[in-house]
């Protein structure tokens, strides 16, 4: 399964994280906004669609900067596990004010604090990749 995630970065450098619905797998944990890539859809267009659905913000595909990826497998006890790859993008330009349409909550965090959040397992390597990416970007 291919999934996209987006690190929305505001003008002060904070990253938007969302808290998963308590009714969902990994309920209550924090994650980068995003979701599954649909058949025939590019990862960038999936990111655009998912952020509009989840946060009511509009982004342009060219505003997405690839950061890294994490891979593993689905789990959660709902049927057999399947391979899972999450692609992480950074985006600092969007239209609209983020609203938690599908999440319990949203919050802005400084990048170095993201790894201390309770997150699904594959979000930890994504957070580490993001911090490395941002450190290279400021050099």
N, C-alpha and C. Protein backbone atom coordinates (compact mmCIF):
# COMPACT_ATOMS: atom_id res chain seq x y z
N UNK A 1 0.85 -1.17 0.00
CA UNK A 1 0.00 0.00 0.00
C UNK A 1 0.90 1.24 0.00
N UNK A 2 0.56 2.20 -0.82
CA UNK A 2 1.31 3.46 -0.89
C UNK A 2 0.50 4.56 -0.22
N UNK A 3 1.15 5.26 0.70
CA UNK A 3 0.52 6.33 1.48
C UNK A 3 1.38 7.58 1.36
N UNK A 4 0.74 8.75 1.34
CA UNK A 4 1.47 10.02 1.35
C UNK A 4 1.20 10.73 2.67
N UNK A 5 2.19 11.49 3.11
CA UNK A 5 2.06 12.31 4.31
C UNK A 5 2.71 13.65 4.00
N UNK A 6 2.18 14.70 4.62
CA UNK A 6 2.68 16.05 4.35
C UNK A 6 3.01 16.75 5.66
N UNK A 7 4.21 17.32 5.71
CA UNK A 7 4.63 18.16 6.83
C UNK A 7 4.36 19.60 6.42
N UNK A 8 3.21 20.13 6.83
CA UNK A 8 2.92 21.55 6.58
C UNK A 8 3.79 22.36 7.52
N UNK A 9 4.58 23.29 6.96
CA UNK A 9 5.50 24.10 7.76
C UNK A 9 5.07 25.55 7.69
N UNK A 10 4.79 26.16 8.85
CA UNK A 10 4.34 27.56 8.86
C UNK A 10 5.53 28.51 8.79
N UNK A 11 5.25 29.80 8.79
CA UNK A 11 6.29 30.82 8.62
C UNK A 11 7.31 30.82 9.76
N UNK A 12 6.94 30.28 10.92
CA UNK A 12 7.87 30.22 12.04
C UNK A 12 8.64 28.90 12.09
N UNK A 13 8.36 28.00 11.14
CA UNK A 13 9.05 26.72 11.07
C UNK A 13 8.37 25.58 11.79
N UNK A 14 7.20 25.84 12.39
CA UNK A 14 6.47 24.77 13.08
C UNK A 14 5.80 23.84 12.07
N UNK A 15 5.59 22.61 12.49
CA UNK A 15 4.99 21.57 11.65
C UNK A 15 3.62 21.21 12.21
N UNK A 16 2.64 21.09 11.31
CA UNK A 16 1.29 20.71 11.72
C UNK A 16 1.18 19.19 11.83
N UNK A 17 0.72 18.74 12.98
CA UNK A 17 0.46 17.32 13.20
C UNK A 17 -1.03 17.17 13.54
N UNK A 18 -1.58 16.00 13.22
CA UNK A 18 -2.98 15.75 13.55
C UNK A 18 -3.09 14.51 14.42
N UNK A 19 -4.09 14.53 15.29
CA UNK A 19 -4.35 13.40 16.17
C UNK A 19 -5.41 12.52 15.53
N UNK A 20 -5.08 11.25 15.33
CA UNK A 20 -6.00 10.32 14.68
C UNK A 20 -7.29 10.18 15.48
N UNK A 21 -8.38 9.94 14.76
CA UNK A 21 -9.66 9.68 15.39
C UNK A 21 -9.53 8.53 16.38
N UNK A 22 -10.18 8.64 17.51
CA UNK A 22 -10.13 7.58 18.52
C UNK A 22 -10.78 6.29 18.02
N UNK A 23 -11.60 6.38 16.98
CA UNK A 23 -12.28 5.21 16.42
C UNK A 23 -11.42 4.48 15.38
N UNK A 24 -10.31 5.08 14.95
CA UNK A 24 -9.47 4.51 13.90
C UNK A 24 -8.35 3.65 14.47
N UNK A 25 -7.74 2.85 13.61
CA UNK A 25 -6.53 2.14 13.99
C UNK A 25 -5.50 3.17 14.44
N UNK A 26 -4.75 2.89 15.47
CA UNK A 26 -3.81 3.85 16.07
C UNK A 26 -4.55 5.08 16.60
N UNK A 27 -5.80 4.90 17.02
CA UNK A 27 -6.62 6.01 17.50
C UNK A 27 -5.96 6.81 18.61
N UNK A 28 -6.03 8.13 18.49
CA UNK A 28 -5.47 9.03 19.49
C UNK A 28 -4.00 9.37 19.28
N UNK A 29 -3.33 8.64 18.38
CA UNK A 29 -1.92 8.93 18.13
C UNK A 29 -1.79 10.10 17.15
N UNK A 30 -0.64 10.76 17.20
CA UNK A 30 -0.37 11.91 16.33
C UNK A 30 0.33 11.45 15.06
N UNK A 31 0.05 12.13 13.96
CA UNK A 31 0.63 11.76 12.67
C UNK A 31 0.72 12.97 11.76
N UNK A 32 1.49 12.82 10.69
CA UNK A 32 1.50 13.81 9.63
C UNK A 32 0.21 13.62 8.83
N UNK A 33 -0.46 14.70 8.42
CA UNK A 33 -1.67 14.55 7.61
C UNK A 33 -1.36 13.85 6.29
N UNK A 34 -2.30 13.10 5.78
CA UNK A 34 -2.12 12.41 4.50
C UNK A 34 -3.06 11.23 4.39
N UNK A 35 -2.74 10.33 3.46
CA UNK A 35 -3.58 9.16 3.29
C UNK A 35 -3.16 8.32 2.10
N UNK A 36 -4.00 7.36 1.76
CA UNK A 36 -3.70 6.38 0.72
C UNK A 36 -3.71 7.02 -0.67
N UNK A 37 -2.80 6.54 -1.51
CA UNK A 37 -2.79 6.90 -2.93
C UNK A 37 -3.78 5.98 -3.62
N UNK A 38 -4.74 6.56 -4.33
CA UNK A 38 -5.75 5.78 -5.03
C UNK A 38 -5.18 5.24 -6.35
N UNK A 39 -5.73 4.13 -6.88
CA UNK A 39 -5.26 3.59 -8.16
C UNK A 39 -5.31 4.66 -9.25
N UNK A 40 -4.22 4.77 -10.01
CA UNK A 40 -4.14 5.73 -11.10
C UNK A 40 -3.81 7.15 -10.67
N UNK A 41 -3.62 7.39 -9.39
CA UNK A 41 -3.36 8.72 -8.84
C UNK A 41 -1.87 8.85 -8.53
N UNK A 42 -1.29 10.00 -8.84
CA UNK A 42 0.11 10.24 -8.48
C UNK A 42 0.19 10.54 -6.98
N UNK A 43 1.33 10.30 -6.35
CA UNK A 43 1.46 10.64 -4.93
C UNK A 43 1.19 12.12 -4.66
N UNK A 44 1.66 12.99 -5.54
CA UNK A 44 1.45 14.42 -5.33
C UNK A 44 -0.03 14.79 -5.38
N UNK A 45 -0.76 14.24 -6.34
CA UNK A 45 -2.19 14.54 -6.41
C UNK A 45 -2.94 13.91 -5.23
N UNK A 46 -2.48 12.77 -4.75
CA UNK A 46 -3.08 12.18 -3.55
C UNK A 46 -2.88 13.10 -2.35
N UNK A 47 -1.69 13.69 -2.24
CA UNK A 47 -1.41 14.62 -1.13
C UNK A 47 -2.33 15.84 -1.21
N UNK A 48 -2.50 16.37 -2.42
CA UNK A 48 -3.39 17.52 -2.61
C UNK A 48 -4.81 17.15 -2.16
N UNK A 49 -5.30 16.01 -2.62
CA UNK A 49 -6.66 15.56 -2.28
C UNK A 49 -6.81 15.32 -0.78
N UNK A 50 -5.86 14.60 -0.20
CA UNK A 50 -5.96 14.26 1.22
C UNK A 50 -5.93 15.50 2.12
N UNK A 51 -5.08 16.48 1.81
CA UNK A 51 -5.03 17.67 2.66
C UNK A 51 -6.30 18.50 2.54
N UNK A 52 -6.91 18.49 1.36
CA UNK A 52 -8.19 19.18 1.23
C UNK A 52 -9.27 18.46 2.04
N UNK A 53 -9.29 17.12 1.97
CA UNK A 53 -10.29 16.35 2.71
C UNK A 53 -10.08 16.45 4.22
N UNK A 54 -8.83 16.33 4.67
CA UNK A 54 -8.55 16.25 6.10
C UNK A 54 -8.46 17.59 6.79
N UNK A 55 -7.92 18.60 6.09
CA UNK A 55 -7.64 19.89 6.73
C UNK A 55 -8.32 21.08 6.08
N UNK A 56 -9.01 20.87 4.96
CA UNK A 56 -9.66 21.95 4.22
C UNK A 56 -8.66 23.01 3.75
N UNK A 57 -7.46 22.56 3.38
CA UNK A 57 -6.48 23.48 2.80
C UNK A 57 -6.20 23.04 1.37
N UNK A 58 -5.86 24.01 0.53
CA UNK A 58 -5.53 23.74 -0.86
C UNK A 58 -4.03 23.93 -1.05
N UNK A 59 -3.41 22.93 -1.64
CA UNK A 59 -2.00 23.05 -1.98
C UNK A 59 -1.84 22.74 -3.46
N UNK A 60 -0.78 23.27 -4.03
CA UNK A 60 -0.44 22.99 -5.42
C UNK A 60 0.60 21.86 -5.42
N UNK A 61 0.51 20.93 -6.37
CA UNK A 61 1.49 19.84 -6.40
C UNK A 61 2.94 20.32 -6.43
N UNK A 62 3.20 21.44 -7.11
CA UNK A 62 4.58 21.94 -7.21
C UNK A 62 5.09 22.53 -5.89
N UNK A 63 4.22 22.72 -4.90
CA UNK A 63 4.64 23.21 -3.59
C UNK A 63 5.14 22.08 -2.69
N UNK A 64 4.97 20.84 -3.14
CA UNK A 64 5.38 19.68 -2.36
C UNK A 64 6.85 19.35 -2.63
N UNK A 65 7.63 19.24 -1.56
CA UNK A 65 9.05 18.92 -1.67
C UNK A 65 9.27 17.55 -1.03
N UNK A 66 9.80 16.57 -1.79
CA UNK A 66 10.04 15.25 -1.20
C UNK A 66 11.04 15.31 -0.05
N UNK A 67 10.72 14.65 1.04
CA UNK A 67 11.58 14.62 2.23
C UNK A 67 12.21 13.25 2.42
N UNK A 68 11.40 12.21 2.36
CA UNK A 68 11.89 10.85 2.60
C UNK A 68 10.73 9.88 2.62
N UNK A 69 11.02 8.68 3.09
CA UNK A 69 9.98 7.65 3.15
C UNK A 69 10.24 6.72 4.32
N UNK A 70 9.21 5.96 4.66
CA UNK A 70 9.33 4.90 5.65
C UNK A 70 8.58 3.69 5.10
N UNK A 71 9.07 2.51 5.40
CA UNK A 71 8.40 1.31 4.91
C UNK A 71 8.26 0.29 6.03
N UNK A 72 7.22 -0.50 5.91
CA UNK A 72 6.93 -1.52 6.90
C UNK A 72 5.77 -2.35 6.39
N UNK A 73 4.86 -2.69 7.28
CA UNK A 73 3.67 -3.43 6.86
C UNK A 73 2.48 -2.97 7.67
N UNK A 74 1.31 -3.16 7.07
CA UNK A 74 0.08 -2.84 7.79
C UNK A 74 -0.08 -3.89 8.88
N UNK A 75 -0.86 -3.57 9.87
CA UNK A 75 -1.08 -4.52 10.96
C UNK A 75 -2.41 -4.24 11.59
N UNK A 76 -2.43 -4.19 12.88
CA UNK A 76 -3.65 -3.84 13.59
C UNK A 76 -4.64 -4.97 13.75
N UNK A 77 -4.30 -6.18 13.27
CA UNK A 77 -5.18 -7.31 13.48
C UNK A 77 -6.40 -7.35 12.58
N UNK A 78 -6.48 -6.49 11.58
CA UNK A 78 -7.65 -6.49 10.68
C UNK A 78 -7.25 -7.17 9.38
N UNK A 79 -7.16 -8.47 9.40
CA UNK A 79 -6.78 -9.21 8.21
C UNK A 79 -5.27 -9.34 8.09
N UNK A 80 -4.83 -9.93 6.97
CA UNK A 80 -3.39 -10.15 6.79
C UNK A 80 -2.65 -8.82 6.60
N UNK A 81 -1.39 -8.81 7.05
CA UNK A 81 -0.60 -7.58 6.87
C UNK A 81 -0.17 -7.47 5.41
N UNK A 82 0.04 -6.22 4.97
CA UNK A 82 0.47 -5.94 3.60
C UNK A 82 1.63 -4.97 3.65
N UNK A 83 2.50 -5.00 2.64
CA UNK A 83 3.59 -4.02 2.60
C UNK A 83 3.03 -2.60 2.59
N UNK A 84 3.72 -1.70 3.28
CA UNK A 84 3.29 -0.30 3.39
C UNK A 84 4.49 0.61 3.18
N UNK A 85 4.33 1.60 2.30
CA UNK A 85 5.35 2.63 2.09
C UNK A 85 4.68 3.98 2.27
N UNK A 86 5.27 4.83 3.11
CA UNK A 86 4.76 6.18 3.32
C UNK A 86 5.78 7.16 2.76
N UNK A 87 5.34 8.01 1.84
CA UNK A 87 6.17 9.07 1.27
C UNK A 87 5.87 10.36 2.02
N UNK A 88 6.91 11.04 2.50
CA UNK A 88 6.72 12.30 3.22
C UNK A 88 7.16 13.47 2.36
N UNK A 89 6.30 14.48 2.28
CA UNK A 89 6.59 15.73 1.59
C UNK A 89 6.55 16.87 2.59
N UNK A 90 7.30 17.92 2.30
CA UNK A 90 7.23 19.17 3.06
C UNK A 90 6.52 20.19 2.19
N UNK A 91 5.71 21.04 2.82
CA UNK A 91 4.98 22.08 2.09
C UNK A 91 4.89 23.32 2.97
N UNK A 92 5.33 24.44 2.43
CA UNK A 92 5.26 25.69 3.20
C UNK A 92 4.33 26.72 2.56
N UNK A 93 3.62 26.31 1.49
CA UNK A 93 2.66 27.21 0.84
C UNK A 93 1.33 26.49 0.66
N UNK A 94 0.27 27.08 1.21
CA UNK A 94 -1.07 26.52 1.05
C UNK A 94 -2.07 27.65 1.19
N UNK A 95 -3.30 27.34 0.82
CA UNK A 95 -4.41 28.30 0.91
C UNK A 95 -5.43 27.76 1.90
N UNK A 96 -5.88 28.63 2.78
CA UNK A 96 -6.88 28.25 3.77
C UNK A 96 -6.27 28.06 5.14
N UNK A 97 -7.14 28.02 6.13
CA UNK A 97 -6.72 27.80 7.52
C UNK A 97 -6.98 26.34 7.88
N UNK A 98 -5.95 25.59 8.27
CA UNK A 98 -6.16 24.17 8.57
C UNK A 98 -7.22 23.95 9.66
N UNK A 99 -8.12 23.02 9.37
CA UNK A 99 -9.19 22.63 10.29
C UNK A 99 -9.18 21.12 10.42
N UNK A 100 -9.42 20.57 11.60
CA UNK A 100 -9.40 19.11 11.78
C UNK A 100 -10.70 18.45 11.33
N UNK A 101 -10.86 18.28 10.02
CA UNK A 101 -12.11 17.70 9.50
C UNK A 101 -12.24 16.21 9.77
N UNK A 102 -11.13 15.47 9.78
CA UNK A 102 -11.20 14.02 10.00
C UNK A 102 -10.44 13.59 11.25
N UNK A 103 -9.73 14.50 11.88
CA UNK A 103 -8.91 14.18 13.05
C UNK A 103 -9.58 14.67 14.32
N UNK A 104 -9.12 14.14 15.45
CA UNK A 104 -9.60 14.62 16.75
C UNK A 104 -9.12 16.04 17.01
N UNK A 105 -7.88 16.33 16.61
CA UNK A 105 -7.28 17.63 16.88
C UNK A 105 -6.10 17.84 15.93
N UNK A 106 -5.69 19.10 15.80
CA UNK A 106 -4.46 19.44 15.10
C UNK A 106 -3.66 20.36 16.01
N UNK A 107 -2.35 20.35 15.83
CA UNK A 107 -1.48 21.21 16.65
C UNK A 107 -0.18 21.45 15.90
N UNK A 108 0.38 22.64 16.12
CA UNK A 108 1.67 23.00 15.53
C UNK A 108 2.78 22.65 16.52
N UNK A 109 3.86 22.07 16.01
CA UNK A 109 4.99 21.65 16.85
C UNK A 109 6.30 22.08 16.21
N UNK A 110 7.28 22.42 17.05
CA UNK A 110 8.62 22.63 16.50
C UNK A 110 9.13 21.26 16.06
N UNK A 111 9.88 21.20 14.96
CA UNK A 111 10.28 19.90 14.42
C UNK A 111 10.96 18.97 15.42
N UNK A 112 11.85 19.51 16.25
CA UNK A 112 12.61 18.63 17.16
C UNK A 112 11.71 18.01 18.24
N UNK A 113 10.49 18.53 18.44
CA UNK A 113 9.58 17.98 19.44
C UNK A 113 8.67 16.89 18.89
N UNK A 114 8.62 16.74 17.58
CA UNK A 114 7.68 15.79 16.98
C UNK A 114 8.00 14.36 17.40
N UNK A 115 9.27 14.01 17.48
CA UNK A 115 9.65 12.64 17.86
C UNK A 115 9.22 12.25 19.26
N UNK A 116 8.87 13.22 20.11
CA UNK A 116 8.42 12.92 21.47
C UNK A 116 6.92 12.66 21.53
N UNK A 117 6.21 12.89 20.44
CA UNK A 117 4.77 12.64 20.41
C UNK A 117 4.50 11.13 20.35
N UNK A 118 3.33 10.72 20.81
CA UNK A 118 2.89 9.33 20.63
C UNK A 118 2.38 9.21 19.21
N UNK A 119 3.07 8.41 18.39
CA UNK A 119 2.76 8.30 16.96
C UNK A 119 2.72 6.84 16.53
N UNK A 120 2.09 6.55 15.37
CA UNK A 120 2.22 5.22 14.79
C UNK A 120 3.70 4.94 14.49
N UNK A 121 4.11 3.67 14.50
CA UNK A 121 5.53 3.34 14.37
C UNK A 121 6.25 3.96 13.18
N UNK A 122 5.64 4.00 12.01
CA UNK A 122 6.34 4.52 10.83
C UNK A 122 6.46 6.03 10.81
N UNK A 123 5.76 6.73 11.69
CA UNK A 123 5.91 8.19 11.73
C UNK A 123 7.22 8.61 12.41
N UNK A 124 7.79 7.75 13.24
CA UNK A 124 9.06 8.11 13.90
C UNK A 124 10.21 8.27 12.90
N UNK A 125 10.42 7.31 11.98
CA UNK A 125 11.48 7.56 10.99
C UNK A 125 11.16 8.74 10.06
N UNK A 126 9.88 9.00 9.83
CA UNK A 126 9.52 10.17 9.02
C UNK A 126 9.89 11.45 9.76
N UNK A 127 9.65 11.51 11.06
CA UNK A 127 10.00 12.69 11.85
C UNK A 127 11.51 12.91 11.84
N UNK A 128 12.27 11.82 11.94
CA UNK A 128 13.73 11.92 11.90
C UNK A 128 14.19 12.42 10.53
N UNK A 129 13.61 11.88 9.46
CA UNK A 129 13.95 12.33 8.11
C UNK A 129 13.62 13.80 7.92
N UNK A 130 12.50 14.24 8.48
CA UNK A 130 12.11 15.65 8.37
C UNK A 130 13.13 16.55 9.06
N UNK A 131 13.55 16.19 10.26
CA UNK A 131 14.54 17.00 10.98
C UNK A 131 15.85 17.08 10.20
N UNK A 132 16.29 15.98 9.63
CA UNK A 132 17.52 15.98 8.81
C UNK A 132 17.33 16.86 7.57
N UNK A 133 16.19 16.74 6.93
CA UNK A 133 15.88 17.54 5.74
C UNK A 133 15.90 19.03 6.08
N UNK A 134 15.25 19.40 7.17
CA UNK A 134 15.19 20.82 7.55
C UNK A 134 16.57 21.35 7.95
N UNK A 135 17.39 20.51 8.58
CA UNK A 135 18.75 20.93 8.95
C UNK A 135 19.58 21.20 7.69
N UNK A 136 19.44 20.36 6.67
CA UNK A 136 20.17 20.59 5.41
C UNK A 136 19.66 21.83 4.70
N UNK A 137 18.37 22.09 4.83
CA UNK A 137 17.75 23.23 4.15
C UNK A 137 18.24 24.57 4.69
N UNK A 138 18.62 24.61 5.96
CA UNK A 138 19.03 25.88 6.58
C UNK A 138 20.52 26.14 6.42
N UNK A 139 21.26 25.19 5.88
CA UNK A 139 22.71 25.38 5.70
C UNK A 139 22.97 26.27 4.51
